[in-house]
Amino acid sequence: MKSLKYLNTILTILTLLLGLQLWTQWTGMQPSTVQTAQAAVNPAVQRQEMVALLKKLTVQTEELTGLFRNGQARVRVELAPKAKRSHPQSR
């Protein structure tokens, strides 16, 4: 009998919480943290930051290209070592 009372209490609490959630969705209320996060995103500022980063990457790429053309930087390609097989069937 005691477990039935506990179950009814839990179900009542869950019903109240779900009702509160449904009411907030119907009334259009949003938590203040969501509104703050949405207001903090400024697309114009994001674009300016992206353009600045792209300009920086362009300068770095041009510098690296210059080093390759002058011979101050070189690329050497080597074969990767063969991996040892750990399967006993591969012997």
PDB file of N, CA and C in Angstrom:
ATOM      1  N   MET A   1       0.816  -1.183   0.000  1.00  0.00           N
ATOM      2  CA  MET A   1       0.000   0.000   0.000  1.00  0.00           C
ATOM      3  C   MET A   1       0.868   1.258   0.000  1.00  0.00           C
ATOM      4  N   LYS A   2       2.020   1.160   0.678  1.00  0.00           N
ATOM      5  CA  LYS A   2       2.908   2.304   0.764  1.00  0.00           C
ATOM      6  C   LYS A   2       3.524   2.632  -0.601  1.00  0.00           C
ATOM      7  N   SER A   3       3.854   1.597  -1.394  1.00  0.00           N
ATOM      8  CA  SER A   3       4.447   1.830  -2.709  1.00  0.00           C
ATOM      9  C   SER A   3       3.433   2.458  -3.665  1.00  0.00           C
ATOM     10  N   LEU A   4       2.169   2.151  -3.503  1.00  0.00           N
ATOM     11  CA  LEU A   4       1.134   2.747  -4.334  1.00  0.00           C
ATOM     12  C   LEU A   4       1.011   4.242  -4.054  1.00  0.00           C
ATOM     13  N   LYS A   5       1.121   4.628  -2.789  1.00  0.00           N
ATOM     14  CA  LYS A   5       1.066   6.046  -2.421  1.00  0.00           C
ATOM     15  C   LYS A   5       2.282   6.778  -3.002  1.00  0.00           C
ATOM     16  N   TYR A   6       3.443   6.165  -2.945  1.00  0.00           N
ATOM     17  CA  TYR A   6       4.661   6.745  -3.506  1.00  0.00           C
ATOM     18  C   TYR A   6       4.512   6.926  -5.021  1.00  0.00           C
ATOM     19  N   LEU A   7       3.991   5.911  -5.688  1.00  0.00           N
ATOM     20  CA  LEU A   7       3.795   5.972  -7.131  1.00  0.00           C
ATOM     21  C   LEU A   7       2.829   7.100  -7.499  1.00  0.00           C
ATOM     22  N   ASN A   8       1.740   7.233  -6.768  1.00  0.00           N
ATOM     23  CA  ASN A   8       0.771   8.299  -7.032  1.00  0.00           C
ATOM     24  C   ASN A   8       1.396   9.675  -6.824  1.00  0.00           C
ATOM     25  N   THR A   9       2.243   9.812  -5.822  1.00  0.00           N
ATOM     26  CA  THR A   9       2.911  11.093  -5.562  1.00  0.00           C
ATOM     27  C   THR A   9       3.840  11.457  -6.708  1.00  0.00           C
ATOM     28  N   ILE A  10       4.626  10.509  -7.165  1.00  0.00           N
ATOM     29  CA  ILE A  10       5.554  10.749  -8.268  1.00  0.00           C
ATOM     30  C   ILE A  10       4.788  11.090  -9.541  1.00  0.00           C
ATOM     31  N   LEU A  11       3.719  10.356  -9.823  1.00  0.00           N
ATOM     32  CA  LEU A  11       2.931  10.631 -11.020  1.00  0.00           C
ATOM     33  C   LEU A  11       2.276  12.010 -10.954  1.00  0.00           C
ATOM     34  N   THR A  12       1.851  12.428  -9.783  1.00  0.00           N
ATOM     35  CA  THR A  12       1.258  13.754  -9.624  1.00  0.00           C
ATOM     36  C   THR A  12       2.292  14.844  -9.873  1.00  0.00           C
ATOM     37  N   ILE A  13       3.486  14.674  -9.348  1.00  0.00           N
ATOM     38  CA  ILE A  13       4.561  15.646  -9.560  1.00  0.00           C
ATOM     39  C   ILE A  13       4.911  15.740 -11.038  1.00  0.00           C
ATOM     40  N   LEU A  14       5.028  14.595 -11.689  1.00  0.00           N
ATOM     41  CA  LEU A  14       5.339  14.586 -13.113  1.00  0.00           C
ATOM     42  C   LEU A  14       4.238  15.261 -13.925  1.00  0.00           C
ATOM     43  N   THR A  15       2.988  15.027 -13.562  1.00  0.00           N
ATOM     44  CA  THR A  15       1.869  15.653 -14.255  1.00  0.00           C
ATOM     45  C   THR A  15       1.916  17.167 -14.106  1.00  0.00           C
ATOM     46  N   LEU A  16       2.220  17.640 -12.908  1.00  0.00           N
ATOM     47  CA  LEU A  16       2.319  19.078 -12.678  1.00  0.00           C
ATOM     48  C   LEU A  16       3.460  19.689 -13.487  1.00  0.00           C
ATOM     49  N   LEU A  17       4.609  19.027 -13.523  1.00  0.00           N
ATOM     50  CA  LEU A  17       5.737  19.541 -14.283  1.00  0.00           C
ATOM     51  C   LEU A  17       5.455  19.574 -15.781  1.00  0.00           C
ATOM     52  N   LEU A  18       4.825  18.527 -16.290  1.00  0.00           N
ATOM     53  CA  LEU A  18       4.479  18.505 -17.711  1.00  0.00           C
ATOM     54  C   LEU A  18       3.438  19.572 -18.037  1.00  0.00           C
ATOM     55  N   GLY A  19       2.494  19.779 -17.135  1.00  0.00           N
ATOM     56  CA  GLY A  19       1.503  20.835 -17.335  1.00  0.00           C
ATOM     57  C   GLY A  19       2.154  22.211 -17.355  1.00  0.00           C
ATOM     58  N   LEU A  20       3.111  22.437 -16.475  1.00  0.00           N
ATOM     59  CA  LEU A  20       3.832  23.701 -16.443  1.00  0.00           C
ATOM     60  C   LEU A  20       4.628  23.908 -17.737  1.00  0.00           C
ATOM     61  N   GLN A  21       5.254  22.855 -18.223  1.00  0.00           N
ATOM     62  CA  GLN A  21       5.993  22.926 -19.486  1.00  0.00           C
ATOM     63  C   GLN A  21       5.054  23.254 -20.640  1.00  0.00           C
ATOM     64  N   LEU A  22       3.905  22.614 -20.684  1.00  0.00           N
ATOM     65  CA  LEU A  22       2.930  22.859 -21.737  1.00  0.00           C
ATOM     66  C   LEU A  22       2.402  24.291 -21.667  1.00  0.00           C
ATOM     67  N   TRP A  23       2.154  24.783 -20.467  1.00  0.00           N
ATOM     68  CA  TRP A  23       1.664  26.149 -20.302  1.00  0.00           C
ATOM     69  C   TRP A  23       2.688  27.173 -20.791  1.00  0.00           C
ATOM     70  N   THR A  24       3.971  26.945 -20.491  1.00  0.00           N
ATOM     71  CA  THR A  24       4.995  27.894 -20.939  1.00  0.00           C
ATOM     72  C   THR A  24       5.128  27.882 -22.464  1.00  0.00           C
ATOM     73  N   GLN A  25       4.923  26.733 -23.091  1.00  0.00           N
ATOM     74  CA  GLN A  25       4.990  26.677 -24.542  1.00  0.00           C
ATOM     75  C   GLN A  25       3.789  27.380 -25.169  1.00  0.00           C
ATOM     76  N   TRP A  26       2.613  27.215 -24.603  1.00  0.00           N
ATOM     77  CA  TRP A  26       1.407  27.845 -25.149  1.00  0.00           C
ATOM     78  C   TRP A  26       1.442  29.359 -24.993  1.00  0.00           C
ATOM     79  N   THR A  27       1.956  29.838 -23.887  1.00  0.00           N
ATOM     80  CA  THR A  27       1.964  31.281 -23.653  1.00  0.00           C
ATOM     81  C   THR A  27       3.132  31.962 -24.349  1.00  0.00           C
ATOM     82  N   GLY A  28       4.046  31.202 -24.895  1.00  0.00           N
ATOM     83  CA  GLY A  28       5.165  31.778 -25.628  1.00  0.00           C
ATOM     84  C   GLY A  28       6.263  32.291 -24.729  1.00  0.00           C
ATOM     85  N   MET A  29       6.258  31.932 -23.487  1.00  0.00           N
ATOM     86  CA  MET A  29       7.310  32.373 -22.574  1.00  0.00           C
ATOM     87  C   MET A  29       8.590  31.606 -22.878  1.00  0.00           C
ATOM     88  N   GLN A  30       9.694  32.335 -22.888  1.00  0.00           N
ATOM     89  CA  GLN A  30      10.991  31.712 -23.088  1.00  0.00           C
ATOM     90  C   GLN A  30      11.863  32.058 -21.901  1.00  0.00           C
ATOM     91  N   PRO A  31      12.736  31.163 -21.514  1.00  0.00           N
ATOM     92  CA  PRO A  31      13.678  31.495 -20.441  1.00  0.00           C
ATOM     93  C   PRO A  31      14.555  32.667 -20.852  1.00  0.00           C
ATOM     94  N   SER A  32      14.941  33.473 -19.898  1.00  0.00           N
ATOM     95  CA  SER A  32      15.742  34.662 -20.192  1.00  0.00           C
ATOM     96  C   SER A  32      17.108  34.302 -20.758  1.00  0.00           C
ATOM     97  N   THR A  33      17.629  33.118 -20.439  1.00  0.00           N
ATOM     98  CA  THR A  33      18.933  32.729 -20.962  1.00  0.00           C
ATOM     99  C   THR A  33      18.875  32.530 -22.463  1.00  0.00           C
ATOM    100  N   VAL A  34      17.760  32.032 -22.979  1.00  0.00           N
ATOM    101  CA  VAL A  34      17.636  31.837 -24.419  1.00  0.00           C
ATOM    102  C   VAL A  34      17.581  33.187 -25.113  1.00  0.00           C
ATOM    103  N   GLN A  35      16.840  34.118 -24.560  1.00  0.00           N
ATOM    104  CA  GLN A  35      16.745  35.438 -25.154  1.00  0.00           C
ATOM    105  C   GLN A  35      18.099  36.137 -25.120  1.00  0.00           C
ATOM    106  N   THR A  36      18.835  35.995 -24.049  1.00  0.00           N
ATOM    107  CA  THR A  36      20.149  36.620 -23.933  1.00  0.00           C
ATOM    108  C   THR A  36      21.111  36.031 -24.958  1.00  0.00           C
ATOM    109  N   ALA A  37      21.074  34.720 -25.126  1.00  0.00           N
ATOM    110  CA  ALA A  37      21.971  34.070 -26.078  1.00  0.00           C
ATOM    111  C   ALA A  37      21.637  34.499 -27.500  1.00  0.00           C
ATOM    112  N   GLN A  38      20.358  34.644 -27.817  1.00  0.00           N
ATOM    113  CA  GLN A  38      19.972  35.069 -29.150  1.00  0.00           C
ATOM    114  C   GLN A  38      20.381  36.516 -29.399  1.00  0.00           C
ATOM    115  N   ALA A  39      20.305  37.353 -28.389  1.00  0.00           N
ATOM    116  CA  ALA A  39      20.657  38.758 -28.548  1.00  0.00           C
ATOM    117  C   ALA A  39      22.172  38.936 -28.658  1.00  0.00           C
ATOM    118  N   ALA A  40      22.950  38.020 -28.104  1.00  0.00           N
ATOM    119  CA  ALA A  40      24.406  38.153 -28.098  1.00  0.00           C
ATOM    120  C   ALA A  40      25.007  37.885 -29.473  1.00  0.00           C
ATOM    121  N   VAL A  41      24.306  37.163 -30.337  1.00  0.00           N
ATOM    122  CA  VAL A  41      24.824  36.833 -31.651  1.00  0.00           C
ATOM    123  C   VAL A  41      24.536  37.998 -32.594  1.00  0.00           C
ATOM    124  N   ASN A  42      25.605  38.600 -33.102  1.00  0.00           N
ATOM    125  CA  ASN A  42      25.479  39.712 -34.030  1.00  0.00           C
ATOM    126  C   ASN A  42      26.106  39.293 -35.350  1.00  0.00           C
ATOM    127  N   PRO A  43      25.304  39.056 -36.377  1.00  0.00           N
ATOM    128  CA  PRO A  43      25.843  38.560 -37.645  1.00  0.00           C
ATOM    129  C   PRO A  43      26.866  39.496 -38.277  1.00  0.00           C
ATOM    130  N   ALA A  44      26.675  40.797 -38.133  1.00  0.00           N
ATOM    131  CA  ALA A  44      27.619  41.742 -38.739  1.00  0.00           C
ATOM    132  C   ALA A  44      28.999  41.613 -38.112  1.00  0.00           C
ATOM    133  N   VAL A  45      29.032  41.463 -36.798  1.00  0.00           N
ATOM    134  CA  VAL A  45      30.317  41.312 -36.101  1.00  0.00           C
ATOM    135  C   VAL A  45      30.963  39.989 -36.485  1.00  0.00           C
ATOM    136  N   GLN A  46      30.154  38.938 -36.597  1.00  0.00           N
ATOM    137  CA  GLN A  46      30.696  37.637 -36.997  1.00  0.00           C
ATOM    138  C   GLN A  46      31.318  37.712 -38.384  1.00  0.00           C
ATOM    139  N   ARG A  47      30.663  38.395 -39.302  1.00  0.00           N
ATOM    140  CA  ARG A  47      31.199  38.511 -40.664  1.00  0.00           C
ATOM    141  C   ARG A  47      32.508  39.292 -40.668  1.00  0.00           C
ATOM    142  N   GLN A  48      32.568  40.355 -39.886  1.00  0.00           N
ATOM    143  CA  GLN A  48      33.800  41.143 -39.820  1.00  0.00           C
ATOM    144  C   GLN A  48      34.953  40.311 -39.271  1.00  0.00           C
ATOM    145  N   GLU A  49      34.671  39.490 -38.258  1.00  0.00           N
ATOM    146  CA  GLU A  49      35.705  38.621 -37.700  1.00  0.00           C
ATOM    147  C   GLU A  49      36.151  37.593 -38.729  1.00  0.00           C
ATOM    148  N   MET A  50      35.196  37.039 -39.482  1.00  0.00           N
ATOM    149  CA  MET A  50      35.547  36.055 -40.503  1.00  0.00           C
ATOM    150  C   MET A  50      36.401  36.674 -41.600  1.00  0.00           C
ATOM    151  N   VAL A  51      36.053  37.882 -42.022  1.00  0.00           N
ATOM    152  CA  VAL A  51      36.836  38.557 -43.061  1.00  0.00           C
ATOM    153  C   VAL A  51      38.248  38.832 -42.555  1.00  0.00           C
ATOM    154  N   ALA A  52      38.375  39.262 -41.303  1.00  0.00           N
ATOM    155  CA  ALA A  52      39.703  39.533 -40.734  1.00  0.00           C
ATOM    156  C   ALA A  52      40.532  38.250 -40.690  1.00  0.00           C
ATOM    157  N   LEU A  53      39.916  37.136 -40.293  1.00  0.00           N
ATOM    158  CA  LEU A  53      40.647  35.866 -40.260  1.00  0.00           C
ATOM    159  C   LEU A  53      41.036  35.408 -41.660  1.00  0.00           C
ATOM    160  N   LEU A  54      40.157  35.593 -42.624  1.00  0.00           N
ATOM    161  CA  LEU A  54      40.496  35.212 -43.995  1.00  0.00           C
ATOM    162  C   LEU A  54      41.646  36.042 -44.534  1.00  0.00           C
ATOM    163  N   LYS A  55      41.668  37.337 -44.210  1.00  0.00           N
ATOM    164  CA  LYS A  55      42.784  38.183 -44.637  1.00  0.00           C
ATOM    165  C   LYS A  55      44.093  37.715 -44.008  1.00  0.00           C
ATOM    166  N   LYS A  56      44.029  37.340 -42.725  1.00  0.00           N
ATOM    167  CA  LYS A  56      45.224  36.851 -42.036  1.00  0.00           C
ATOM    168  C   LYS A  56      45.722  35.549 -42.679  1.00  0.00           C
ATOM    169  N   LEU A  57      44.799  34.654 -42.987  1.00  0.00           N
ATOM    170  CA  LEU A  57      45.184  33.393 -43.628  1.00  0.00           C
ATOM    171  C   LEU A  57      45.762  33.632 -45.014  1.00  0.00           C
ATOM    172  N   THR A  58      45.228  34.598 -45.739  1.00  0.00           N
ATOM    173  CA  THR A  58      45.750  34.918 -47.061  1.00  0.00           C
ATOM    174  C   THR A  58      47.187  35.412 -46.969  1.00  0.00           C
ATOM    175  N   VAL A  59      47.460  36.280 -46.006  1.00  0.00           N
ATOM    176  CA  VAL A  59      48.830  36.787 -45.823  1.00  0.00           C
ATOM    177  C   VAL A  59      49.772  35.641 -45.461  1.00  0.00           C
ATOM    178  N   GLN A  60      49.357  34.775 -44.559  1.00  0.00           N
ATOM    179  CA  GLN A  60      50.205  33.657 -44.160  1.00  0.00           C
ATOM    180  C   GLN A  60      50.465  32.710 -45.338  1.00  0.00           C
ATOM    181  N   THR A  61      49.450  32.472 -46.142  1.00  0.00           N
ATOM    182  CA  THR A  61      49.614  31.597 -47.304  1.00  0.00           C
ATOM    183  C   THR A  61      50.576  32.213 -48.311  1.00  0.00           C
ATOM    184  N   GLU A  62      50.459  33.519 -48.529  1.00  0.00           N
ATOM    185  CA  GLU A  62      51.368  34.192 -49.447  1.00  0.00           C
ATOM    186  C   GLU A  62      52.810  34.145 -48.939  1.00  0.00           C
ATOM    187  N   GLU A  63      53.003  34.296 -47.631  1.00  0.00           N
ATOM    188  CA  GLU A  63      54.344  34.206 -47.055  1.00  0.00           C
ATOM    189  C   GLU A  63      54.925  32.816 -47.248  1.00  0.00           C
ATOM    190  N   LEU A  64      54.116  31.797 -47.019  1.00  0.00           N
ATOM    191  CA  LEU A  64      54.579  30.419 -47.180  1.00  0.00           C
ATOM    192  C   LEU A  64      54.889  30.119 -48.644  1.00  0.00           C
ATOM    193  N   THR A  65      54.059  30.613 -49.543  1.00  0.00           N
ATOM    194  CA  THR A  65      54.320  30.435 -50.971  1.00  0.00           C
ATOM    195  C   THR A  65      55.632  31.102 -51.366  1.00  0.00           C
ATOM    196  N   GLY A  66      55.890  32.277 -50.815  1.00  0.00           N
ATOM    197  CA  GLY A  66      57.151  32.967 -51.078  1.00  0.00           C
ATOM    198  C   GLY A  66      58.343  32.170 -50.593  1.00  0.00           C
ATOM    199  N   LEU A  67      58.234  31.548 -49.426  1.00  0.00           N
ATOM    200  CA  LEU A  67      59.330  30.719 -48.911  1.00  0.00           C
ATOM    201  C   LEU A  67      59.600  29.533 -49.830  1.00  0.00           C
ATOM    202  N   PHE A  68      58.558  28.927 -50.370  1.00  0.00           N
ATOM    203  CA  PHE A  68      58.752  27.806 -51.289  1.00  0.00           C
ATOM    204  C   PHE A  68      59.403  28.268 -52.584  1.00  0.00           C
ATOM    205  N   ARG A  69      58.988  29.422 -53.089  1.00  0.00           N
ATOM    206  CA  ARG A  69      59.547  29.933 -54.341  1.00  0.00           C
ATOM    207  C   ARG A  69      61.014  30.324 -54.186  1.00  0.00           C
ATOM    208  N   ASN A  70      61.387  30.864 -53.042  1.00  0.00           N
ATOM    209  CA  ASN A  70      62.774  31.271 -52.806  1.00  0.00           C
ATOM    210  C   ASN A  70      63.680  30.091 -52.464  1.00  0.00           C
ATOM    211  N   GLY A  71      63.096  28.945 -52.178  1.00  0.00           N
ATOM    212  CA  GLY A  71      63.894  27.788 -51.821  1.00  0.00           C
ATOM    213  C   GLY A  71      64.224  27.731 -50.340  1.00  0.00           C
ATOM    214  N   GLN A  72      63.676  28.623 -49.552  1.00  0.00           N
ATOM    215  CA  GLN A  72      63.940  28.618 -48.115  1.00  0.00           C
ATOM    216  C   GLN A  72      63.136  27.547 -47.390  1.00  0.00           C
ATOM    217  N   ALA A  73      62.105  27.056 -48.034  1.00  0.00           N
ATOM    218  CA  ALA A  73      61.306  25.974 -47.460  1.00  0.00           C
ATOM    219  C   ALA A  73      61.169  24.884 -48.513  1.00  0.00           C
ATOM    220  N   ARG A  74      61.228  23.650 -48.058  1.00  0.00           N
ATOM    221  CA  ARG A  74      61.121  22.513 -48.971  1.00  0.00           C
ATOM    222  C   ARG A  74      60.197  21.470 -48.361  1.00  0.00           C
ATOM    223  N   VAL A  75      59.640  20.666 -49.242  1.00  0.00           N
ATOM    224  CA  VAL A  75      58.774  19.570 -48.811  1.00  0.00           C
ATOM    225  C   VAL A  75      59.460  18.273 -49.196  1.00  0.00           C
ATOM    226  N   ARG A  76      59.561  17.375 -48.248  1.00  0.00           N
ATOM    227  CA  ARG A  76      60.159  16.075 -48.509  1.00  0.00           C
ATOM    228  C   ARG A  76      59.121  15.010 -48.199  1.00  0.00           C
ATOM    229  N   VAL A  77      58.848  14.163 -49.147  1.00  0.00           N
ATOM    230  CA  VAL A  77      57.845  13.115 -48.978  1.00  0.00           C
ATOM    231  C   VAL A  77      58.568  11.801 -48.726  1.00  0.00           C
ATOM    232  N   GLU A  78      58.174  11.125 -47.671  1.00  0.00           N
ATOM    233  CA  GLU A  78      58.753   9.831 -47.343  1.00  0.00           C
ATOM    234  C   GLU A  78      57.641   8.801 -47.247  1.00  0.00           C
ATOM    235  N   LEU A  79      58.018   7.562 -47.502  1.00  0.00           N
ATOM    236  CA  LEU A  79      57.048   6.485 -47.363  1.00  0.00           C
ATOM    237  C   LEU A  79      56.799   6.217 -45.884  1.00  0.00           C
ATOM    238  N   ALA A  80      55.574   5.965 -45.562  1.00  0.00           N
ATOM    239  CA  ALA A  80      55.232   5.638 -44.180  1.00  0.00           C
ATOM    240  C   ALA A  80      55.723   4.234 -43.873  1.00  0.00           C
ATOM    241  N   PRO A  81      56.160   3.984 -42.647  1.00  0.00           N
ATOM    242  CA  PRO A  81      56.606   2.630 -42.303  1.00  0.00           C
ATOM    243  C   PRO A  81      55.431   1.661 -42.378  1.00  0.00           C
ATOM    244  N   LYS A  82      55.746   0.446 -42.785  1.00  0.00           N
ATOM    245  CA  LYS A  82      54.689  -0.560 -42.884  1.00  0.00           C
ATOM    246  C   LYS A  82      54.213  -0.933 -41.488  1.00  0.00           C
ATOM    247  N   ALA A  83      52.908  -1.009 -41.334  1.00  0.00           N
ATOM    248  CA  ALA A  83      52.327  -1.373 -40.041  1.00  0.00           C
ATOM    249  C   ALA A  83      52.434  -2.881 -39.843  1.00  0.00           C
ATOM    250  N   LYS A  84      52.742  -3.259 -38.631  1.00  0.00           N
ATOM    251  CA  LYS A  84      52.813  -4.686 -38.316  1.00  0.00           C
ATOM    252  C   LYS A  84      51.400  -5.212 -38.129  1.00  0.00           C
ATOM    253  N   ARG A  85      51.160  -6.350 -38.655  1.00  0.00           N
ATOM    254  CA  ARG A  85      49.834  -6.964 -38.519  1.00  0.00           C
ATOM    255  C   ARG A  85      49.772  -7.736 -37.223  1.00  0.00           C
ATOM    256  N   SER A  86      48.717  -7.533 -36.470  1.00  0.00           N
ATOM    257  CA  SER A  86      48.589  -8.207 -35.191  1.00  0.00           C
ATOM    258  C   SER A  86      47.724  -9.450 -35.263  1.00  0.00           C
ATOM    259  N   HIS A  87      47.193  -9.751 -36.454  1.00  0.00           N
ATOM    260  CA  HIS A  87      46.348 -10.939 -36.582  1.00  0.00           C
ATOM    261  C   HIS A  87      47.214 -12.191 -36.719  1.00  0.00           C
ATOM    262  N   PRO A  88      46.912 -13.231 -35.961  1.00  0.00           N
ATOM    263  CA  PRO A  88      47.713 -14.465 -36.056  1.00  0.00           C
ATOM    264  C   PRO A  88      47.541 -15.171 -37.399  1.00  0.00           C
ATOM    265  N   GLN A  89      46.457 -14.893 -38.120  1.00  0.00           N
ATOM    266  CA  GLN A  89      46.214 -15.560 -39.399  1.00  0.00           C
ATOM    267  C   GLN A  89      47.085 -14.982 -40.513  1.00  0.00           C
ATOM    268  N   SER A  90      47.671 -13.821 -40.316  1.00  0.00           N
ATOM    269  CA  SER A  90      48.425 -13.160 -41.374  1.00  0.00           C
ATOM    270  C   SER A  90      49.875 -13.623 -41.445  1.00  0.00           C
ATOM    271  N   ARG A  91      50.270 -14.594 -40.689  1.00  0.00           N
ATOM    272  CA  ARG A  91      51.656 -15.084 -40.692  1.00  0.00           C
ATOM    273  C   ARG A  91      52.001 -15.850 -41.892  1.00  0.00           C
TER     274      ARG A  91
END
